[in-house]
Amino acid sequence: MSELTVSFGLKVREQRKLKKLTQEKLALLCNIDRSYMGRIERGEVNITLEKIFALAKALDISPLKLIPYDENNKYE
């Protein structure tokens, strides 16, 4: 697991919880398996750009909110 994928997964989890969605519901909205959603949130997989946009759409946020990057050009 890279620091980037773990940070990304934490952002997905944070946004999912803010929207009061279960992993299962978010996975259904994105048309992916619930177990894969768990792997995304744990930073175990490197997902595609298409999945990032699908997650953002399902969460009704900008894809940029899922990218772990701050103004000092460092991963969060």
PDB file of N, CA and C in Angstrom:
ATOM      1  N   MET A   1       0.841  -1.182   0.000  1.00  0.00           N
ATOM      2  CA  MET A   1       0.000   0.000   0.000  1.00  0.00           C
ATOM      3  C   MET A   1       0.886   1.245   0.000  1.00  0.00           C
ATOM      4  N   SER A   2       0.592   2.140  -0.893  1.00  0.00           N
ATOM      5  CA  SER A   2       1.356   3.384  -0.918  1.00  0.00           C
ATOM      6  C   SER A   2       0.664   4.425  -0.040  1.00  0.00           C
ATOM      7  N   GLU A   3       1.431   5.409   0.342  1.00  0.00           N
ATOM      8  CA  GLU A   3       0.886   6.499   1.147  1.00  0.00           C
ATOM      9  C   GLU A   3      -0.253   7.198   0.399  1.00  0.00           C
ATOM     10  N   LEU A   4      -0.098   7.324  -0.908  1.00  0.00           N
ATOM     11  CA  LEU A   4      -1.108   7.989  -1.720  1.00  0.00           C
ATOM     12  C   LEU A   4      -2.425   7.215  -1.728  1.00  0.00           C
ATOM     13  N   THR A   5      -2.379   5.897  -1.942  1.00  0.00           N
ATOM     14  CA  THR A   5      -3.627   5.126  -1.986  1.00  0.00           C
ATOM     15  C   THR A   5      -4.304   5.072  -0.619  1.00  0.00           C
ATOM     16  N   VAL A   6      -3.510   5.024   0.433  1.00  0.00           N
ATOM     17  CA  VAL A   6      -4.084   5.029   1.786  1.00  0.00           C
ATOM     18  C   VAL A   6      -4.755   6.376   2.058  1.00  0.00           C
ATOM     19  N   SER A   7      -4.084   7.473   1.708  1.00  0.00           N
ATOM     20  CA  SER A   7      -4.663   8.807   1.915  1.00  0.00           C
ATOM     21  C   SER A   7      -5.933   8.989   1.091  1.00  0.00           C
ATOM     22  N   PHE A   8      -5.915   8.490  -0.144  1.00  0.00           N
ATOM     23  CA  PHE A   8      -7.103   8.575  -0.991  1.00  0.00           C
ATOM     24  C   PHE A   8      -8.256   7.807  -0.345  1.00  0.00           C
ATOM     25  N   GLY A   9      -7.990   6.602   0.114  1.00  0.00           N
ATOM     26  CA  GLY A   9      -9.021   5.793   0.746  1.00  0.00           C
ATOM     27  C   GLY A   9      -9.618   6.453   1.974  1.00  0.00           C
ATOM     28  N   LEU A  10      -8.785   7.108   2.751  1.00  0.00           N
ATOM     29  CA  LEU A  10      -9.285   7.814   3.932  1.00  0.00           C
ATOM     30  C   LEU A  10     -10.206   8.961   3.534  1.00  0.00           C
ATOM     31  N   LYS A  11      -9.883   9.641   2.448  1.00  0.00           N
ATOM     32  CA  LYS A  11     -10.748  10.726   1.970  1.00  0.00           C
ATOM     33  C   LYS A  11     -12.087  10.182   1.480  1.00  0.00           C
ATOM     34  N   VAL A  12     -12.056   9.047   0.795  1.00  0.00           N
ATOM     35  CA  VAL A  12     -13.303   8.429   0.347  1.00  0.00           C
ATOM     36  C   VAL A  12     -14.158   8.076   1.562  1.00  0.00           C
ATOM     37  N   ARG A  13     -13.559   7.430   2.551  1.00  0.00           N
ATOM     38  CA  ARG A  13     -14.291   7.050   3.761  1.00  0.00           C
ATOM     39  C   ARG A  13     -14.874   8.277   4.462  1.00  0.00           C
ATOM     40  N   GLU A  14     -14.069   9.331   4.590  1.00  0.00           N
ATOM     41  CA  GLU A  14     -14.525  10.559   5.242  1.00  0.00           C
ATOM     42  C   GLU A  14     -15.736  11.143   4.513  1.00  0.00           C
ATOM     43  N   GLN A  15     -15.665  11.241   3.209  1.00  0.00           N
ATOM     44  CA  GLN A  15     -16.770  11.801   2.431  1.00  0.00           C
ATOM     45  C   GLN A  15     -18.004  10.893   2.483  1.00  0.00           C
ATOM     46  N   ARG A  16     -17.790   9.581   2.441  1.00  0.00           N
ATOM     47  CA  ARG A  16     -18.909   8.637   2.523  1.00  0.00           C
ATOM     48  C   ARG A  16     -19.648   8.801   3.847  1.00  0.00           C
ATOM     49  N   LYS A  17     -18.895   8.917   4.929  1.00  0.00           N
ATOM     50  CA  LYS A  17     -19.523   9.062   6.241  1.00  0.00           C
ATOM     51  C   LYS A  17     -20.229  10.409   6.382  1.00  0.00           C
ATOM     52  N   LEU A  18     -19.649  11.462   5.788  1.00  0.00           N
ATOM     53  CA  LEU A  18     -20.314  12.766   5.813  1.00  0.00           C
ATOM     54  C   LEU A  18     -21.670  12.710   5.112  1.00  0.00           C
ATOM     55  N   LYS A  19     -21.758  11.884   4.077  1.00  0.00           N
ATOM     56  CA  LYS A  19     -23.014  11.724   3.330  1.00  0.00           C
ATOM     57  C   LYS A  19     -23.925  10.660   3.950  1.00  0.00           C
ATOM     58  N   LYS A  20     -23.452  10.065   5.050  1.00  0.00           N
ATOM     59  CA  LYS A  20     -24.217   9.044   5.773  1.00  0.00           C
ATOM     60  C   LYS A  20     -24.573   7.847   4.882  1.00  0.00           C
ATOM     61  N   LEU A  21     -23.577   7.408   4.109  1.00  0.00           N
ATOM     62  CA  LEU A  21     -23.749   6.243   3.236  1.00  0.00           C
ATOM     63  C   LEU A  21     -22.963   5.069   3.793  1.00  0.00           C
ATOM     64  N   THR A  22     -23.492   3.872   3.621  1.00  0.00           N
ATOM     65  CA  THR A  22     -22.731   2.677   3.941  1.00  0.00           C
ATOM     66  C   THR A  22     -21.796   2.373   2.774  1.00  0.00           C
ATOM     67  N   GLN A  23     -20.802   1.533   3.031  1.00  0.00           N
ATOM     68  CA  GLN A  23     -19.943   1.085   1.934  1.00  0.00           C
ATOM     69  C   GLN A  23     -20.779   0.401   0.865  1.00  0.00           C
ATOM     70  N   GLU A  24     -21.728  -0.395   1.300  1.00  0.00           N
ATOM     71  CA  GLU A  24     -22.573  -1.128   0.355  1.00  0.00           C
ATOM     72  C   GLU A  24     -23.369  -0.172  -0.543  1.00  0.00           C
ATOM     73  N   LYS A  25     -23.955   0.861   0.038  1.00  0.00           N
ATOM     74  CA  LYS A  25     -24.746   1.814  -0.745  1.00  0.00           C
ATOM     75  C   LYS A  25     -23.862   2.583  -1.733  1.00  0.00           C
ATOM     76  N   LEU A  26     -22.702   3.030  -1.273  1.00  0.00           N
ATOM     77  CA  LEU A  26     -21.792   3.742  -2.170  1.00  0.00           C
ATOM     78  C   LEU A  26     -21.318   2.821  -3.293  1.00  0.00           C
ATOM     79  N   ALA A  27     -21.017   1.592  -2.965  1.00  0.00           N
ATOM     80  CA  ALA A  27     -20.596   0.632  -3.985  1.00  0.00           C
ATOM     81  C   ALA A  27     -21.695   0.433  -5.025  1.00  0.00           C
ATOM     82  N   LEU A  28     -22.942   0.321  -4.568  1.00  0.00           N
ATOM     83  CA  LEU A  28     -24.061   0.170  -5.503  1.00  0.00           C
ATOM     84  C   LEU A  28     -24.189   1.382  -6.420  1.00  0.00           C
ATOM     85  N   LEU A  29     -24.038   2.578  -5.854  1.00  0.00           N
ATOM     86  CA  LEU A  29     -24.131   3.797  -6.650  1.00  0.00           C
ATOM     87  C   LEU A  29     -23.020   3.890  -7.698  1.00  0.00           C
ATOM     88  N   CYS A  30     -21.879   3.265  -7.399  1.00  0.00           N
ATOM     89  CA  CYS A  30     -20.728   3.302  -8.315  1.00  0.00           C
ATOM     90  C   CYS A  30     -20.623   2.061  -9.187  1.00  0.00           C
ATOM     91  N   ASN A  31     -21.545   1.123  -8.970  1.00  0.00           N
ATOM     92  CA  ASN A  31     -21.539  -0.126  -9.725  1.00  0.00           C
ATOM     93  C   ASN A  31     -20.247  -0.927  -9.527  1.00  0.00           C
ATOM     94  N   ILE A  32     -19.822  -1.014  -8.260  1.00  0.00           N
ATOM     95  CA  ILE A  32     -18.669  -1.846  -7.930  1.00  0.00           C
ATOM     96  C   ILE A  32     -19.023  -2.739  -6.750  1.00  0.00           C
ATOM     97  N   ASP A  33     -18.239  -3.760  -6.529  1.00  0.00           N
ATOM     98  CA  ASP A  33     -18.472  -4.710  -5.446  1.00  0.00           C
ATOM     99  C   ASP A  33     -18.192  -4.056  -4.095  1.00  0.00           C
ATOM    100  N   ARG A  34     -18.986  -4.377  -3.077  1.00  0.00           N
ATOM    101  CA  ARG A  34     -18.813  -3.804  -1.747  1.00  0.00           C
ATOM    102  C   ARG A  34     -17.446  -4.145  -1.162  1.00  0.00           C
ATOM    103  N   SER A  35     -16.961  -5.344  -1.405  1.00  0.00           N
ATOM    104  CA  SER A  35     -15.649  -5.717  -0.869  1.00  0.00           C
ATOM    105  C   SER A  35     -14.539  -4.895  -1.527  1.00  0.00           C
ATOM    106  N   TYR A  36     -14.727  -4.559  -2.805  1.00  0.00           N
ATOM    107  CA  TYR A  36     -13.758  -3.707  -3.495  1.00  0.00           C
ATOM    108  C   TYR A  36     -13.783  -2.300  -2.900  1.00  0.00           C
ATOM    109  N   MET A  37     -14.967  -1.829  -2.526  1.00  0.00           N
ATOM    110  CA  MET A  37     -15.077  -0.523  -1.879  1.00  0.00           C
ATOM    111  C   MET A  37     -14.275  -0.512  -0.581  1.00  0.00           C
ATOM    112  N   GLY A  38     -14.353  -1.590   0.165  1.00  0.00           N
ATOM    113  CA  GLY A  38     -13.569  -1.697   1.390  1.00  0.00           C
ATOM    114  C   GLY A  38     -12.080  -1.646   1.108  1.00  0.00           C
ATOM    115  N   ARG A  39     -11.662  -2.298   0.041  1.00  0.00           N
ATOM    116  CA  ARG A  39     -10.241  -2.279  -0.345  1.00  0.00           C
ATOM    117  C   ARG A  39      -9.812  -0.878  -0.772  1.00  0.00           C
ATOM    118  N   ILE A  40     -10.706  -0.139  -1.432  1.00  0.00           N
ATOM    119  CA  ILE A  40     -10.390   1.248  -1.810  1.00  0.00           C
ATOM    120  C   ILE A  40     -10.178   2.074  -0.544  1.00  0.00           C
ATOM    121  N   GLU A  41     -11.106   1.967   0.387  1.00  0.00           N
ATOM    122  CA  GLU A  41     -11.023   2.769   1.619  1.00  0.00           C
ATOM    123  C   GLU A  41      -9.814   2.404   2.465  1.00  0.00           C
ATOM    124  N   ARG A  42      -9.344   1.183   2.385  1.00  0.00           N
ATOM    125  CA  ARG A  42      -8.151   0.769   3.139  1.00  0.00           C
ATOM    126  C   ARG A  42      -6.863   1.068   2.373  1.00  0.00           C
ATOM    127  N   GLY A  43      -6.982   1.576   1.152  1.00  0.00           N
ATOM    128  CA  GLY A  43      -5.806   1.913   0.361  1.00  0.00           C
ATOM    129  C   GLY A  43      -5.083   0.716  -0.206  1.00  0.00           C
ATOM    130  N   GLU A  44      -5.813  -0.359  -0.422  1.00  0.00           N
ATOM    131  CA  GLU A  44      -5.201  -1.598  -0.915  1.00  0.00           C
ATOM    132  C   GLU A  44      -5.172  -1.701  -2.432  1.00  0.00           C
ATOM    133  N   VAL A  45      -5.880  -0.809  -3.110  1.00  0.00           N
ATOM    134  CA  VAL A  45      -5.937  -0.865  -4.571  1.00  0.00           C
ATOM    135  C   VAL A  45      -5.693   0.522  -5.158  1.00  0.00           C
ATOM    136  N   ASN A  46      -5.172   0.522  -6.358  1.00  0.00           N
ATOM    137  CA  ASN A  46      -4.940   1.757  -7.102  1.00  0.00           C
ATOM    138  C   ASN A  46      -6.029   1.825  -8.160  1.00  0.00           C
ATOM    139  N   ILE A  47      -7.015   2.687  -7.953  1.00  0.00           N
ATOM    140  CA  ILE A  47      -8.181   2.689  -8.828  1.00  0.00           C
ATOM    141  C   ILE A  47      -7.978   3.575 -10.049  1.00  0.00           C
ATOM    142  N   THR A  48      -8.860   3.417 -11.015  1.00  0.00           N
ATOM    143  CA  THR A  48      -8.778   4.177 -12.261  1.00  0.00           C
ATOM    144  C   THR A  48      -9.378   5.568 -12.096  1.00  0.00           C
ATOM    145  N   LEU A  49      -9.048   6.408 -13.030  1.00  0.00           N
ATOM    146  CA  LEU A  49      -9.609   7.753 -13.070  1.00  0.00           C
ATOM    147  C   LEU A  49     -11.128   7.697 -13.209  1.00  0.00           C
ATOM    148  N   GLU A  50     -11.619   6.733 -13.976  1.00  0.00           N
ATOM    149  CA  GLU A  50     -13.065   6.580 -14.144  1.00  0.00           C
ATOM    150  C   GLU A  50     -13.740   6.289 -12.805  1.00  0.00           C
ATOM    151  N   LYS A  51     -13.108   5.468 -11.975  1.00  0.00           N
ATOM    152  CA  LYS A  51     -13.679   5.149 -10.660  1.00  0.00           C
ATOM    153  C   LYS A  51     -13.647   6.359  -9.733  1.00  0.00           C
ATOM    154  N   ILE A  52     -12.594   7.169  -9.837  1.00  0.00           N
ATOM    155  CA  ILE A  52     -12.531   8.380  -9.017  1.00  0.00           C
ATOM    156  C   ILE A  52     -13.719   9.278  -9.347  1.00  0.00           C
ATOM    157  N   PHE A  53     -13.995   9.443 -10.639  1.00  0.00           N
ATOM    158  CA  PHE A  53     -15.117  10.287 -11.046  1.00  0.00           C
ATOM    159  C   PHE A  53     -16.457   9.658 -10.665  1.00  0.00           C
ATOM    160  N   ALA A  54     -16.558   8.338 -10.737  1.00  0.00           N
ATOM    161  CA  ALA A  54     -17.798   7.662 -10.329  1.00  0.00           C
ATOM    162  C   ALA A  54     -18.042   7.858  -8.833  1.00  0.00           C
ATOM    163  N   LEU A  55     -16.980   7.737  -8.037  1.00  0.00           N
ATOM    164  CA  LEU A  55     -17.109   7.961  -6.599  1.00  0.00           C
ATOM    165  C   LEU A  55     -17.536   9.397  -6.312  1.00  0.00           C
ATOM    166  N   ALA A  56     -16.892  10.347  -6.968  1.00  0.00           N
ATOM    167  CA  ALA A  56     -17.228  11.757  -6.754  1.00  0.00           C
ATOM    168  C   ALA A  56     -18.678  12.038  -7.139  1.00  0.00           C
ATOM    169  N   LYS A  57     -19.117  11.485  -8.255  1.00  0.00           N
ATOM    170  CA  LYS A  57     -20.501  11.695  -8.684  1.00  0.00           C
ATOM    171  C   LYS A  57     -21.471  11.109  -7.654  1.00  0.00           C
ATOM    172  N   ALA A  58     -21.193   9.896  -7.200  1.00  0.00           N
ATOM    173  CA  ALA A  58     -22.067   9.250  -6.216  1.00  0.00           C
ATOM    174  C   ALA A  58     -22.094  10.020  -4.898  1.00  0.00           C
ATOM    175  N   LEU A  59     -20.974  10.644  -4.557  1.00  0.00           N
ATOM    176  CA  LEU A  59     -20.887  11.420  -3.323  1.00  0.00           C
ATOM    177  C   LEU A  59     -21.334  12.867  -3.516  1.00  0.00           C
ATOM    178  N   ASP A  60     -21.618  13.243  -4.752  1.00  0.00           N
ATOM    179  CA  ASP A  60     -22.047  14.589  -5.107  1.00  0.00           C
ATOM    180  C   ASP A  60     -21.016  15.637  -4.674  1.00  0.00           C
ATOM    181  N   ILE A  61     -19.756  15.351  -5.028  1.00  0.00           N
ATOM    182  CA  ILE A  61     -18.653  16.264  -4.729  1.00  0.00           C
ATOM    183  C   ILE A  61     -17.746  16.356  -5.951  1.00  0.00           C
ATOM    184  N   SER A  62     -16.843  17.299  -5.925  1.00  0.00           N
ATOM    185  CA  SER A  62     -15.824  17.407  -6.961  1.00  0.00           C
ATOM    186  C   SER A  62     -14.812  16.278  -6.775  1.00  0.00           C
ATOM    187  N   PRO A  63     -14.314  15.702  -7.860  1.00  0.00           N
ATOM    188  CA  PRO A  63     -13.262  14.689  -7.725  1.00  0.00           C
ATOM    189  C   PRO A  63     -12.040  15.223  -6.972  1.00  0.00           C
ATOM    190  N   LEU A  64     -11.824  16.522  -7.033  1.00  0.00           N
ATOM    191  CA  LEU A  64     -10.679  17.112  -6.335  1.00  0.00           C
ATOM    192  C   LEU A  64     -10.763  16.918  -4.824  1.00  0.00           C
ATOM    193  N   LYS A  65     -11.976  16.796  -4.290  1.00  0.00           N
ATOM    194  CA  LYS A  65     -12.131  16.581  -2.842  1.00  0.00           C
ATOM    195  C   LYS A  65     -11.608  15.212  -2.401  1.00  0.00           C
ATOM    196  N   LEU A  66     -11.410  14.323  -3.357  1.00  0.00           N
ATOM    197  CA  LEU A  66     -10.923  12.982  -3.026  1.00  0.00           C
ATOM    198  C   LEU A  66      -9.402  12.864  -3.178  1.00  0.00           C
ATOM    199  N   ILE A  67      -8.804  13.866  -3.811  1.00  0.00           N
ATOM    200  CA  ILE A  67      -7.366  13.811  -4.066  1.00  0.00           C
ATOM    201  C   ILE A  67      -6.609  14.315  -2.843  1.00  0.00           C
ATOM    202  N   PRO A  68      -5.761  13.472  -2.261  1.00  0.00           N
ATOM    203  CA  PRO A  68      -5.033  13.855  -1.043  1.00  0.00           C
ATOM    204  C   PRO A  68      -3.815  14.728  -1.368  1.00  0.00           C
ATOM    205  N   TYR A  69      -4.066  16.006  -1.555  1.00  0.00           N
ATOM    206  CA  TYR A  69      -3.012  16.932  -1.961  1.00  0.00           C
ATOM    207  C   TYR A  69      -3.303  18.287  -1.348  1.00  0.00           C
ATOM    208  N   ASP A  70      -2.297  18.910  -0.777  1.00  0.00           N
ATOM    209  CA  ASP A  70      -2.519  20.225  -0.189  1.00  0.00           C
ATOM    210  C   ASP A  70      -1.815  21.306  -0.994  1.00  0.00           C
ATOM    211  N   GLU A  71      -2.008  22.549  -0.591  1.00  0.00           N
ATOM    212  CA  GLU A  71      -1.453  23.674  -1.343  1.00  0.00           C
ATOM    213  C   GLU A  71       0.064  23.735  -1.311  1.00  0.00           C
ATOM    214  N   ASN A  72       0.697  23.016  -0.428  1.00  0.00           N
ATOM    215  CA  ASN A  72       2.162  22.983  -0.343  1.00  0.00           C
ATOM    216  C   ASN A  72       2.746  21.835  -1.152  1.00  0.00           C
ATOM    217  N   ASN A  73       1.902  21.276  -2.053  1.00  0.00           N
ATOM    218  CA  ASN A  73       2.330  20.185  -2.928  1.00  0.00           C
ATOM    219  C   ASN A  73       2.778  18.938  -2.174  1.00  0.00           C
ATOM    220  N   LYS A  74       2.093  18.651  -1.097  1.00  0.00           N
ATOM    221  CA  LYS A  74       2.400  17.454  -0.309  1.00  0.00           C
ATOM    222  C   LYS A  74       1.135  16.638  -0.150  1.00  0.00           C
ATOM    223  N   TYR A  75       1.327  15.337  -0.052  1.00  0.00           N
ATOM    224  CA  TYR A  75       0.194  14.462   0.220  1.00  0.00           C
ATOM    225  C   TYR A  75      -0.267  14.714   1.647  1.00  0.00           C
ATOM    226  N   GLU A  76      -1.573  14.690   1.828  1.00  0.00           N
ATOM    227  CA  GLU A  76      -2.120  14.866   3.174  1.00  0.00           C
ATOM    228  C   GLU A  76      -1.978  13.586   3.959  1.00  0.00           C
TER     229      GLU A  76
END
